Protein backbone atom coordinates (compact mmCIF):
# COMPACT_ATOMS: atom_id res chain seq x y z
CA MET A 1 67.16 100.21 135.20
CA ASN A 2 70.01 102.58 136.53
CA GLU A 3 72.52 103.41 133.56
CA MET A 4 75.18 102.58 136.08
CA ILE A 5 74.42 99.09 136.44
CA LEU A 6 73.96 98.73 132.86
CA SER A 7 77.94 100.32 131.95
CA ASN A 8 79.12 98.23 134.77
CA ALA A 9 77.50 94.98 133.61
CA LYS A 10 78.61 95.19 129.81
CA PRO A 11 82.63 94.86 130.31
CA GLN A 12 82.02 92.04 132.37
CA LEU A 13 79.82 90.19 130.75
CA GLU A 14 82.08 90.70 127.49
CA THR A 15 84.98 89.47 129.14
CA LEU A 16 84.20 87.00 132.03
CA GLY A 17 80.63 86.09 130.29
CA TYR A 18 78.50 86.64 133.20
CA TYR A 19 76.63 89.13 135.47
CA LEU A 20 74.78 88.94 138.56
CA PHE A 21 71.71 91.55 138.75
CA PRO A 22 70.73 91.37 142.33
CA ASN A 23 67.21 92.13 143.24
CA LEU A 24 66.37 93.34 139.68
CA ILE A 25 62.93 91.37 139.32
CA PRO A 26 59.75 92.20 141.67
CA LEU A 27 58.89 89.20 143.65
CA ASP A 28 55.09 89.87 142.63
CA THR A 29 56.60 88.70 139.34
CA ILE A 30 58.64 85.91 140.99
CA LYS A 31 55.54 84.71 142.45
CA LEU A 32 53.55 84.86 139.36
CA LEU A 33 56.16 83.02 137.39
CA LYS A 34 56.26 80.39 139.98
CA GLU A 35 52.88 79.68 140.13
CA ILE A 36 52.62 79.18 136.10
CA LEU A 37 56.10 77.50 135.86
CA VAL A 38 54.96 74.86 138.86
CA ARG A 39 52.34 73.44 136.52
CA SER A 40 54.14 73.62 133.34
CA ASN A 41 57.08 71.29 134.94
CA GLU A 42 54.93 69.00 136.15
CA GLN A 43 53.40 68.41 132.50
CA TRP A 44 56.67 68.23 131.25
CA LEU A 45 57.86 65.74 133.83
CA GLN A 46 54.75 63.29 133.07
CA GLU A 47 56.14 63.19 129.55
CA PHE A 48 59.85 62.68 130.64
CA GLN A 49 60.33 60.67 133.72
CA ASN A 50 64.15 60.10 134.41
CA PRO A 51 65.83 60.52 138.02
CA LYS A 52 69.05 61.84 136.69
CA ASN A 53 67.48 64.72 135.08
CA VAL A 54 68.32 67.83 136.11
CA ASN A 55 66.25 70.15 133.97
CA SER A 56 63.07 70.54 131.63
CA ALA A 57 62.40 72.36 128.61
CA TYR A 58 60.19 74.15 126.20
CA LEU A 59 58.18 75.13 128.59
CA THR A 60 55.92 77.64 126.47
CA SER A 61 54.94 74.63 124.65
CA ILE A 62 51.22 74.61 124.71
CA LYS A 63 52.09 70.66 125.69
CA TYR A 64 53.09 71.97 128.91
CA THR A 65 51.42 75.61 129.66
CA LYS A 66 48.15 74.81 128.81
CA ASP A 67 46.35 78.01 129.75
CA LYS A 68 46.14 80.80 127.21
CA ASN A 69 46.59 83.37 129.89
CA ASP A 70 49.72 81.63 131.42
CA ARG A 71 51.30 81.57 127.87
CA LYS A 72 50.60 85.26 127.02
CA THR A 73 52.11 86.15 130.64
CA LEU A 74 55.44 84.19 130.20
CA PHE A 75 55.86 85.86 126.37
CA GLU A 76 55.28 89.18 127.91
CA PHE A 77 57.84 88.33 130.30
CA ILE A 78 60.19 87.16 128.19
CA GLY A 79 59.66 90.21 125.55
CA SER A 80 60.02 92.58 128.53
CA ASP A 81 61.67 96.07 128.62
CA LEU A 82 63.52 94.83 131.62
CA LEU A 83 65.22 91.87 129.86
CA LEU A 84 65.58 93.38 126.63
CA ASN A 85 67.38 96.42 127.98
CA ILE A 86 70.04 93.85 128.91
CA CYS A 87 70.15 91.46 126.00
CA ASP A 88 70.97 95.15 124.21
CA LEU A 89 74.32 95.12 125.96
CA ILE A 90 75.10 91.51 124.75
CA PHE A 91 73.88 91.52 120.86
CA LYS A 92 74.91 93.54 118.14
CA ASP A 93 72.58 91.85 116.00
CA PRO A 94 68.94 91.36 116.19
CA ILE A 95 67.77 89.45 119.48
CA TYR A 96 65.59 85.78 118.95
CA PHE A 97 63.83 83.92 121.35
CA LEU A 98 65.29 80.37 121.45
CA ASN A 99 63.97 78.22 124.65
CA THR A 100 62.74 78.17 128.15
CA GLN A 101 63.94 75.57 130.52
CA ILE A 102 63.23 75.00 134.27
CA PHE A 103 66.45 73.63 136.65
CA PHE A 104 66.00 71.35 139.53
CA ASN A 105 67.74 68.94 141.59
CA PRO A 106 68.02 65.51 140.42
CA MET A 107 65.91 62.62 141.89
CA ASP A 108 68.79 60.46 141.98
CA PRO A 109 71.77 61.28 144.83
CA ASN A 110 74.40 59.72 142.50
CA LYS A 111 74.05 62.32 140.10
CA LEU A 112 76.53 64.80 140.14
CA PRO A 113 77.09 68.50 138.68
CA TYR A 114 79.36 68.29 135.56
CA TRP A 115 81.02 70.79 133.72
CA HIS A 116 80.07 71.25 130.10
CA ARG A 117 79.26 73.98 127.55
CA ASP A 118 76.05 73.61 125.87
CA ILE A 119 77.45 73.51 122.42
CA GLN A 120 78.79 69.99 123.10
CA TYR A 121 75.48 68.66 123.12
CA LEU A 122 74.46 70.18 119.38
CA GLY A 123 76.20 66.62 117.72
CA ILE A 124 78.54 68.71 115.86
CA SER A 125 82.12 67.76 115.68
CA GLU A 126 84.65 69.86 118.30
CA GLU A 127 86.29 71.77 115.57
CA GLU A 128 82.84 73.09 114.27
CA GLN A 129 82.17 73.79 118.01
CA LYS A 130 85.41 76.05 118.39
CA LYS A 131 84.17 78.02 115.26
CA ARG A 132 80.46 78.10 116.36
CA ILE A 133 81.32 80.07 119.77
CA TYR A 134 82.54 83.33 117.79
CA LYS A 135 79.66 83.34 115.30
CA ASP A 136 76.08 81.82 117.19
CA HIS A 137 75.69 83.83 120.73
CA VAL A 138 73.20 82.23 123.12
CA TRP A 139 72.83 83.68 126.53
CA HIS A 140 70.63 82.24 129.68
CA PHE A 141 68.99 84.76 131.51
CA ARG A 142 68.28 82.67 134.82
CA ILE A 143 65.30 83.77 137.12
CA PRO A 144 65.64 81.59 140.49
CA LEU A 145 61.81 81.12 141.70
CA GLU A 146 63.66 79.30 144.84
CA ASN A 147 67.01 80.07 146.64
CA ASP A 148 69.54 78.46 144.09
CA PRO A 149 72.82 77.32 145.51
CA GLY A 150 74.51 78.59 142.29
CA ILE A 151 76.30 78.14 139.00
CA TRP A 152 79.86 77.13 139.24
CA PHE A 153 81.81 78.72 135.73
CA VAL A 154 85.18 78.91 134.22
CA PRO A 155 85.15 83.27 133.72
CA GLY A 156 86.36 83.99 129.92
CA SER A 157 86.03 80.59 128.81
CA HIS A 158 83.05 81.38 126.41
CA ILE A 159 85.69 83.37 124.12
CA ARG A 160 88.45 80.59 124.04
CA TRP A 161 88.64 77.11 124.10
CA ASP A 162 89.35 74.79 126.84
CA THR A 163 92.98 74.54 128.08
CA GLU A 164 94.29 70.84 128.24
CA LYS A 165 93.29 70.27 131.58
CA GLU A 166 89.80 71.83 131.40
CA ARG A 167 89.26 69.82 128.17
CA GLU A 168 89.97 66.72 130.17
CA VAL A 169 87.85 67.13 132.86
CA ARG A 170 84.92 68.40 130.66
CA LEU A 171 85.25 65.24 128.32
CA GLU A 172 86.29 63.23 131.04
CA LEU A 173 89.66 62.32 129.56
CA GLU A 174 92.92 60.65 130.96
CA GLY A 175 91.13 59.26 134.11
CA LYS A 176 89.24 62.66 134.65
CA LYS A 177 85.88 63.00 135.72
CA ASN A 178 83.61 65.96 134.95
CA HIS A 179 82.55 66.97 138.53
CA GLU A 180 86.06 67.43 139.49
CA ASP A 181 87.11 71.19 140.45
CA ILE A 182 88.54 73.55 137.84
CA GLU A 183 91.76 75.54 138.40
CA SER A 184 89.76 79.00 138.13
CA GLN A 185 86.32 77.75 139.10
CA ILE A 186 84.06 80.56 140.55
CA LEU A 187 80.52 79.67 142.30
CA VAL A 188 77.76 82.27 142.01
CA PRO A 189 74.43 81.41 143.85
CA HIS A 190 71.39 83.46 143.27
CA ASN A 191 68.00 84.33 145.17
CA PRO A 192 64.44 85.28 143.96
CA GLY A 193 64.57 88.76 142.61
CA ASP A 194 67.77 88.29 141.28
CA LEU A 195 68.83 88.02 137.73
CA LEU A 196 71.91 86.14 136.33
CA VAL A 197 72.91 86.27 132.79
CA PHE A 198 75.48 84.11 131.32
CA SER A 199 77.28 82.54 128.26
CA ALA A 200 75.78 79.11 126.99
CA HIS A 201 79.37 78.54 125.94
CA LEU A 202 81.07 79.14 128.72
CA ILE A 203 82.48 76.05 131.07
CA HIS A 204 79.96 75.74 133.57
CA LYS A 205 78.09 73.69 135.96
CA GLY A 206 74.98 73.57 138.34
CA ASN A 207 75.33 73.19 142.25
CA TYR A 208 72.63 70.85 143.70
CA GLY A 209 70.72 71.29 146.53
CA SER A 210 68.12 73.75 148.42
CA ASN A 211 64.67 73.78 146.73
CA ARG A 212 66.40 74.36 143.52
CA PHE A 213 63.74 75.69 140.79
CA SER A 214 65.17 78.24 138.31
CA PHE A 215 63.55 79.65 135.18
CA ASP A 216 66.31 80.03 132.26
CA ILE A 217 65.07 81.91 129.18
CA LEU A 218 67.69 81.32 125.85
CA TYR A 219 68.41 84.47 123.73
CA THR A 220 70.08 84.24 120.63
CA ASN A 221 71.72 86.10 117.42
CA PHE A 222 69.92 83.33 115.38
CA PRO A 223 66.30 82.72 114.60
CA GLU A 224 64.87 79.33 115.76
CA GLN A 225 64.54 76.52 113.07
CA LYS A 226 60.78 76.32 111.74
CA GLN A 227 60.96 72.68 112.22
CA THR A 228 62.04 72.94 115.99
CA GLN A 229 59.00 75.30 116.71
CA GLU A 230 56.36 73.16 114.76
CA LYS A 231 57.62 69.93 117.01
CA TRP A 232 57.64 71.75 120.06
CA ASN A 233 54.87 74.34 119.68
CA HIS A 234 56.84 76.69 122.13
CA PHE A 235 56.28 80.20 120.10
CA PRO A 236 53.40 82.59 120.30
CA GLU A 237 50.22 82.03 118.34
CA LYS A 238 50.47 84.36 115.00
CA ASN A 239 48.09 86.92 116.74
CA PHE A 240 50.20 87.96 119.40
CA LEU A 241 51.95 91.26 119.53
CA LEU A 242 53.90 92.95 121.96
CA SER A 243 53.69 96.18 122.80
CA ASP A 244 56.72 97.40 120.79
CA PRO A 245 56.20 96.41 117.11
CA LYS A 246 59.98 96.58 116.85
CA LYS A 247 60.01 93.55 119.51
CA ASN A 248 58.09 91.34 117.46
CA THR A 249 61.41 89.90 115.47
CA LEU A 250 61.72 88.24 118.65
CA PHE A 251 59.66 85.52 118.00
CA GLN A 252 61.00 85.10 114.25
CA LEU A 253 61.47 82.03 112.79
CA VAL A 254 63.97 80.34 109.93
CA GLN A 255 62.79 77.74 107.30
CA ASN A 256 64.82 74.50 107.59
CA PHE A 257 66.46 73.42 104.26
CA GLU A 258 67.90 70.10 103.90
């Protein structure tokens, strides 16, 4: 990748929390990923049927991507130089794989995009959330497989907590709704071939429309819990190795302790 692109991306990722790399991924790769993930997503939808759903998860699970070669293709892409070189701009610590998701339009026409931080769904207190955003780093690498009408961001919100007005909208306080506009919001559309990288700690919301079908890979600075992997089976088999042995820390797990 062009060094100038990387040097331009790094400060924006740090300060604003997102960066769009246009026309980065070959369209042949996009076609292959889409062929696999359409099948995987259909398997997921058979298990989780809800008209309000806007995303699926754990797509690399053997439950959803049943073909061994398809899983190998996905894991090799997750561990590719193309993506991990961008991870190097973000992470000072070792890089770990966490999860995959597909984002699509809800079947329910009354379901509206909603402002959130991913961390608010962990079931921990708001005070703990405030601490975690500075310690635990989670980044989405979004690969649109169809034209995506975009994501709304509140730039820079990944390195600070909400203002009073942002918090009221995000948490629907004081009569506010979480789909309402936020003053500093910005919309970033993206199309097949693009890569949109953004922090999960940003205040953000989707934008429904078109044939929205976008593939997210989540990378972190902490390893996945072993119990989560045992539940979903979404990591490679033990005999799977990437070409560079140094990359294989990507799929490390941490043992849960009660």
